[in-house]
Amino acid sequence: MNPITLFLAAAFALAGVAVGMLVSQILAVPLVVVAVIILLSLKMANAWEKFVILRAGKLQSVKGPGLFAIIPVLDNVTAIIDERIQTTAFNAEQALTRDTVPVNVDAIIFWNVHDAQKAALEITNYRQAVDRVAQTSLREMIGSSMLGALLSDRKSADEHLRETIGQKTAKWGISVTSVEIRDVAIPEALQDAMSRQAQAEREKQARVILGSAEAEIAGKFVEAAQLYADHPAALHLRAMNIIYETTKERGTTILIPTSMVDSMNPVVALALAGQTAPSAATPAKPIAPGD
């Protein structure tokens, strides 16, 4: 009962009681009757509500929002429809996919009533009907989908469910705003198998990349060998550069094979030999008398 109806009915009832006590009981009867009529006939619908009214068993009108009056006894409010967006959670347990994999899927549907008359008269319980239709549509979708597509492309599955459920509920005056799949659970044994498969695929890809890199490096080595074979001086310069790079750090001892030194330019070999010989080994120049 809305507060406006209660206030008006109480006001007329109190006025009737006051008149009956102070003036006459006969004059109080009409006021009490008006209070009862107001209590039975004056209705108020909120901004999101629609009242479906039957008169003598037939549809009379759909009222709301705001204040309105009905005829007591003849009119009957058969349903109060909430037109706000509703949410319904539903699931499918142990449903088989197209590749015969059992999965548990949890989803949620957002819907609202756009035609209060159809929702009240076309079906007994539209809330329960939405839940049942959502569950059956989810199982149908799972049965026609592969597990990989169900796991990787949820947006397509959501859109497919929205269209399928919306087509079934439209005749009841219900619109489906969206459907969202919250979780897809698969057996633990299958999860382990899929994990091993993914790991094997990553290892395979890593080996392919490593093999490609080795092949590219080998090709570069072949090109360098051909260049060094045509230009021996280039090989000597490269060897000298390697020796220089390895001796930049202090306190480093490098052992160079004699054959490697001999293969270099003789001038370079002598230079290296002069650098490694101790300064004490150089004979002192004799000092002439008188110097």
Protein backbone atom coordinates (compact mmCIF):
# COMPACT_ATOMS: atom_id res chain seq x y z
CA MET A 1 0.00 0.00 0.00
CA ASN A 2 1.36 3.40 -1.02
CA PRO A 3 1.66 6.24 1.52
CA ILE A 4 -0.63 8.62 -0.36
CA THR A 5 -3.53 6.17 -0.30
CA LEU A 6 -2.94 5.42 3.34
CA PHE A 7 -2.84 9.12 4.23
CA LEU A 8 -6.08 9.98 2.40
CA ALA A 9 -7.91 6.93 3.73
CA ALA A 10 -6.76 7.65 7.26
CA ALA A 11 -7.76 11.31 6.94
CA PHE A 12 -11.33 10.48 5.86
CA ALA A 13 -11.62 7.72 8.46
CA LEU A 14 -10.52 10.05 11.27
CA ALA A 15 -12.86 12.73 9.99
CA GLY A 16 -15.71 10.23 10.05
CA VAL A 17 -14.89 9.19 13.58
CA ALA A 18 -14.73 12.83 14.70
CA VAL A 19 -18.04 13.68 13.03
CA GLY A 20 -19.68 10.61 14.52
CA MET A 21 -18.53 11.52 18.01
CA LEU A 22 -19.22 15.25 17.83
CA VAL A 23 -22.10 15.66 15.39
CA SER A 24 -23.95 12.58 14.20
CA GLN A 25 -23.14 8.98 13.40
CA ILE A 26 -25.27 9.17 10.28
CA LEU A 27 -23.03 11.87 8.82
CA ALA A 28 -19.95 9.85 9.72
CA VAL A 29 -20.96 6.87 7.56
CA PRO A 30 -20.29 8.55 4.17
CA LEU A 31 -16.83 9.64 5.31
CA VAL A 32 -15.94 6.10 6.39
CA VAL A 33 -17.26 4.72 3.09
CA VAL A 34 -15.12 7.22 1.16
CA ALA A 35 -12.11 6.15 3.19
CA VAL A 36 -12.73 2.50 2.29
CA ILE A 37 -13.21 3.34 -1.40
CA ILE A 38 -9.98 5.33 -1.46
CA LEU A 39 -8.16 2.44 0.22
CA LEU A 40 -9.43 -0.03 -2.38
CA SER A 41 -9.31 2.07 -5.55
CA LEU A 42 -6.42 4.52 -5.39
CA LYS A 43 -3.15 2.95 -6.53
CA MET A 44 0.30 4.33 -7.21
CA ALA A 45 2.99 2.87 -9.47
CA ASN A 46 6.64 3.78 -9.19
CA ALA A 47 8.64 5.05 -12.16
CA TRP A 48 9.86 1.54 -13.05
CA GLU A 49 6.54 -0.29 -12.50
CA LYS A 50 3.55 -1.14 -14.67
CA PHE A 51 0.23 -2.42 -13.28
CA VAL A 52 -1.71 -4.86 -15.47
CA ILE A 53 -5.42 -4.46 -14.70
CA LEU A 54 -8.20 -6.92 -15.55
CA ARG A 55 -11.87 -5.93 -15.44
CA ALA A 56 -14.20 -8.85 -14.99
CA GLY A 57 -11.47 -11.20 -16.20
CA LYS A 58 -10.61 -9.21 -19.34
CA LEU A 59 -7.69 -6.90 -19.96
CA GLN A 60 -8.75 -3.39 -19.07
CA SER A 61 -5.48 -1.42 -19.21
CA VAL A 62 -1.85 -1.18 -18.20
CA LYS A 63 -1.30 1.67 -15.75
CA GLY A 64 1.76 3.45 -14.43
CA PRO A 65 3.79 5.17 -13.37
CA GLY A 66 1.99 7.58 -11.03
CA LEU A 67 -1.39 7.68 -9.30
CA PHE A 68 -4.44 6.02 -10.86
CA ALA A 69 -7.78 4.67 -9.74
CA ILE A 70 -9.53 1.38 -10.34
CA ILE A 71 -13.09 0.27 -9.74
CA PRO A 72 -13.24 -1.87 -6.61
CA VAL A 73 -14.58 -5.41 -7.05
CA LEU A 74 -14.73 -5.12 -10.88
CA ASP A 75 -11.06 -4.30 -11.46
CA ASN A 76 -8.22 -6.48 -10.32
CA VAL A 77 -4.47 -5.78 -10.46
CA THR A 78 -3.27 -9.12 -11.78
CA ALA A 79 0.43 -8.31 -12.09
CA ILE A 80 2.95 -5.64 -11.12
CA ILE A 81 5.77 -5.67 -13.67
CA ASP A 82 9.23 -4.31 -12.89
CA GLU A 83 10.71 -2.86 -16.09
CA ARG A 84 14.21 -2.32 -14.73
CA ILE A 85 17.13 -4.40 -16.00
CA GLN A 86 17.24 -7.74 -14.21
CA THR A 87 20.12 -10.20 -13.81
CA THR A 88 19.81 -13.97 -13.77
CA ALA A 89 22.70 -16.35 -13.14
CA PHE A 90 22.55 -19.75 -14.82
CA ASN A 91 24.92 -22.63 -15.48
CA ALA A 92 25.39 -25.91 -17.32
CA GLU A 93 27.10 -28.78 -15.50
CA GLN A 94 28.84 -31.67 -17.24
CA ALA A 95 27.73 -30.48 -20.67
CA LEU A 96 29.55 -32.13 -23.56
CA THR A 97 31.17 -29.99 -26.21
CA ARG A 98 31.28 -30.91 -29.87
CA ASP A 99 34.56 -32.77 -29.31
CA THR A 100 32.99 -34.68 -26.35
CA VAL A 101 34.71 -32.84 -23.51
CA PRO A 102 32.64 -32.37 -20.32
CA VAL A 103 32.65 -28.75 -19.13
CA ASN A 104 30.96 -26.70 -16.41
CA VAL A 105 29.94 -23.24 -17.62
CA ASP A 106 28.67 -20.37 -15.47
CA ALA A 107 27.02 -17.36 -17.13
CA ILE A 108 24.83 -14.38 -16.34
CA ILE A 109 22.09 -12.75 -18.42
CA PHE A 110 20.92 -9.11 -18.33
CA TRP A 111 17.30 -8.62 -19.42
CA ASN A 112 14.29 -6.36 -18.96
CA VAL A 113 10.56 -6.34 -19.67
CA HIS A 114 9.66 -4.03 -22.54
CA ASP A 115 6.00 -5.10 -22.86
CA ALA A 116 4.26 -5.53 -19.49
CA GLN A 117 1.06 -6.82 -21.05
CA LYS A 118 2.77 -9.76 -22.78
CA ALA A 119 4.90 -10.57 -19.75
CA ALA A 120 1.76 -10.78 -17.57
CA LEU A 121 -0.60 -12.55 -19.98
CA GLU A 122 1.51 -14.62 -22.39
CA ILE A 123 3.36 -16.69 -19.80
CA THR A 124 2.75 -17.83 -16.24
CA ASN A 125 6.12 -16.95 -14.67
CA TYR A 126 8.37 -14.97 -16.95
CA ARG A 127 11.32 -14.92 -14.51
CA GLN A 128 11.42 -18.71 -14.31
CA ALA A 129 10.97 -18.93 -18.07
CA VAL A 130 14.00 -16.70 -18.69
CA ASP A 131 16.11 -18.93 -16.45
CA ARG A 132 14.98 -22.15 -18.19
CA VAL A 133 15.46 -20.74 -21.68
CA ALA A 134 18.93 -19.48 -20.76
CA GLN A 135 20.00 -22.90 -19.47
CA THR A 136 18.75 -24.82 -22.50
CA SER A 137 20.30 -22.31 -24.91
CA LEU A 138 23.63 -22.56 -23.07
CA ARG A 139 23.64 -26.35 -23.37
CA GLU A 140 22.79 -26.14 -27.07
CA MET A 141 25.62 -23.69 -27.65
CA ILE A 142 28.11 -25.88 -25.77
CA GLY A 143 27.07 -28.96 -27.74
CA SER A 144 27.70 -27.19 -31.05
CA SER A 145 31.04 -25.63 -30.07
CA MET A 146 34.57 -27.00 -29.93
CA LEU A 147 36.39 -26.69 -26.61
CA GLY A 148 39.15 -24.52 -28.08
CA ALA A 149 36.67 -22.04 -29.54
CA LEU A 150 34.70 -21.96 -26.29
CA LEU A 151 37.83 -21.10 -24.29
CA SER A 152 39.41 -18.61 -26.69
CA ASP A 153 36.46 -16.77 -28.26
CA ARG A 154 34.00 -15.97 -25.49
CA LYS A 155 32.73 -12.79 -27.12
CA SER A 156 31.30 -14.77 -30.04
CA ALA A 157 29.71 -17.23 -27.63
CA ASP A 158 28.19 -14.37 -25.61
CA GLU A 159 26.73 -12.77 -28.74
CA HIS A 160 25.36 -16.10 -29.98
CA LEU A 161 23.64 -16.70 -26.63
CA ARG A 162 22.20 -13.19 -26.56
CA GLU A 163 20.65 -13.59 -30.00
CA THR A 164 19.34 -17.10 -29.30
CA ILE A 165 17.76 -16.26 -25.94
CA GLY A 166 16.44 -12.93 -27.21
CA GLN A 167 14.58 -14.59 -30.08
CA LYS A 168 12.84 -16.97 -27.67
CA THR A 169 11.88 -14.34 -25.08
CA ALA A 170 10.78 -11.58 -27.47
CA LYS A 171 7.27 -13.05 -27.76
CA TRP A 172 6.93 -12.71 -23.97
CA GLY A 173 7.74 -8.99 -24.05
CA ILE A 174 11.27 -9.51 -22.71
CA SER A 175 14.44 -8.05 -24.22
CA VAL A 176 17.89 -9.53 -23.60
CA THR A 177 20.51 -6.82 -23.14
CA SER A 178 23.61 -9.01 -22.91
CA VAL A 179 24.91 -12.42 -21.87
CA GLU A 180 28.31 -12.93 -20.25
CA ILE A 181 30.07 -16.25 -19.70
CA ARG A 182 31.86 -15.96 -16.37
CA ASP A 183 33.75 -19.25 -16.18
CA VAL A 184 34.43 -22.39 -18.20
CA ALA A 185 35.72 -25.24 -16.01
CA ILE A 186 37.22 -28.41 -17.50
CA PRO A 187 38.38 -31.64 -15.74
CA GLU A 188 41.75 -31.48 -13.98
CA ALA A 189 43.16 -34.37 -16.02
CA LEU A 190 42.37 -32.49 -19.21
CA GLN A 191 43.90 -29.32 -17.78
CA ASP A 192 47.17 -31.21 -17.16
CA ALA A 193 47.12 -32.64 -20.69
CA MET A 194 46.49 -29.20 -22.20
CA SER A 195 49.29 -27.73 -20.09
CA ARG A 196 51.74 -30.38 -21.29
CA GLN A 197 50.63 -29.83 -24.87
CA ALA A 198 51.14 -26.08 -24.58
CA GLN A 199 54.58 -26.62 -23.03
CA ALA A 200 55.54 -28.99 -25.84
CA GLU A 201 54.41 -26.46 -28.42
CA ARG A 202 56.51 -23.74 -26.78
CA GLU A 203 59.57 -26.02 -26.68
CA LYS A 204 59.06 -26.91 -30.32
CA GLN A 205 58.85 -23.25 -31.27
CA ALA A 206 61.97 -22.45 -29.23
CA ARG A 207 63.93 -25.22 -30.98
CA VAL A 208 62.77 -24.04 -34.40
CA ILE A 209 63.89 -20.50 -33.60
CA LEU A 210 67.24 -21.78 -32.27
CA GLY A 211 67.77 -23.90 -35.39
CA SER A 212 67.01 -20.95 -37.64
CA ALA A 213 69.50 -18.82 -35.69
CA GLU A 214 72.18 -21.53 -35.94
CA ALA A 215 71.62 -21.83 -39.68
CA GLU A 216 71.91 -18.07 -40.10
CA ILE A 217 75.08 -17.96 -37.99
CA ALA A 218 76.60 -20.84 -39.96
CA GLY A 219 75.90 -18.97 -43.19
CA LYS A 220 77.65 -15.90 -41.84
CA PHE A 221 80.63 -18.05 -40.82
CA VAL A 222 80.82 -19.50 -44.33
CA GLU A 223 80.82 -15.99 -45.82
CA ALA A 224 83.56 -14.91 -43.36
CA ALA A 225 85.67 -18.01 -44.18
CA GLN A 226 85.44 -17.29 -47.88
CA LEU A 227 86.43 -13.67 -47.30
CA TYR A 228 89.39 -14.66 -45.11
CA ALA A 229 90.50 -17.24 -47.69
CA ASP A 230 90.55 -14.61 -50.44
CA HIS A 231 92.16 -11.97 -48.21
CA PRO A 232 94.72 -13.42 -45.72
CA ALA A 233 95.55 -9.93 -44.46
CA ALA A 234 91.99 -9.63 -43.21
CA LEU A 235 92.42 -12.81 -41.16
CA HIS A 236 95.65 -11.42 -39.64
CA LEU A 237 93.93 -8.16 -38.74
CA ARG A 238 91.08 -10.08 -37.16
CA ALA A 239 93.49 -12.17 -35.11
CA MET A 240 95.29 -9.05 -33.93
CA ASN A 241 91.99 -7.49 -32.96
CA ILE A 242 91.04 -10.57 -30.96
CA ILE A 243 94.37 -10.43 -29.11
CA TYR A 244 93.89 -6.75 -28.40
CA GLU A 245 90.35 -7.23 -27.11
CA THR A 246 91.46 -10.03 -24.79
CA THR A 247 94.41 -8.09 -23.37
CA LYS A 248 92.61 -4.82 -22.62
CA GLU A 249 91.88 -5.82 -19.05
CA ARG A 250 94.72 -5.53 -16.56
CA GLY A 251 96.14 -8.64 -14.99
CA THR A 252 95.15 -10.86 -17.93
CA THR A 253 97.48 -13.63 -19.06
CA ILE A 254 97.05 -14.87 -22.64
CA LEU A 255 98.72 -18.02 -23.97
CA ILE A 256 99.14 -17.85 -27.75
CA PRO A 257 100.24 -20.92 -29.71
CA THR A 258 103.52 -20.50 -31.62
CA SER A 259 101.88 -21.61 -34.84
CA MET A 260 99.39 -18.76 -34.54
CA VAL A 261 102.19 -16.24 -34.08
CA ASP A 262 104.12 -17.71 -37.01
CA SER A 263 101.08 -17.47 -39.24
CA MET A 264 100.94 -13.73 -38.75
CA ASN A 265 103.01 -11.13 -40.50
CA PRO A 266 106.67 -11.41 -39.39
CA VAL A 267 106.78 -7.76 -38.42
CA VAL A 268 103.79 -8.26 -36.16
CA ALA A 269 105.36 -11.36 -34.64
CA LEU A 270 108.54 -9.46 -33.88
CA ALA A 271 106.54 -6.65 -32.36
CA LEU A 272 104.67 -9.05 -30.12
CA ALA A 273 107.94 -10.74 -29.14
CA GLY A 274 109.49 -7.38 -28.28
CA GLN A 275 106.49 -6.51 -26.06
CA THR A 276 106.68 -9.74 -24.12
CA ALA A 277 110.47 -9.72 -23.57
CA PRO A 278 111.53 -8.27 -20.19
CA SER A 279 113.34 -4.98 -20.21
CA ALA A 280 116.25 -6.51 -18.28
CA ALA A 281 117.08 -8.75 -21.23
CA THR A 282 118.03 -5.75 -23.41
CA PRO A 283 121.86 -5.32 -23.31
CA ALA A 284 123.01 -2.04 -21.86
CA LYS A 285 124.89 0.33 -24.16
CA PRO A 286 128.51 0.69 -23.15
CA ILE A 287 129.45 4.10 -21.87
CA ALA A 288 132.46 5.59 -23.62
CA PRO A 289 135.13 7.25 -21.56
CA GLY A 290 134.53 10.91 -21.06
CA ASP A 291 130.72 10.72 -21.46
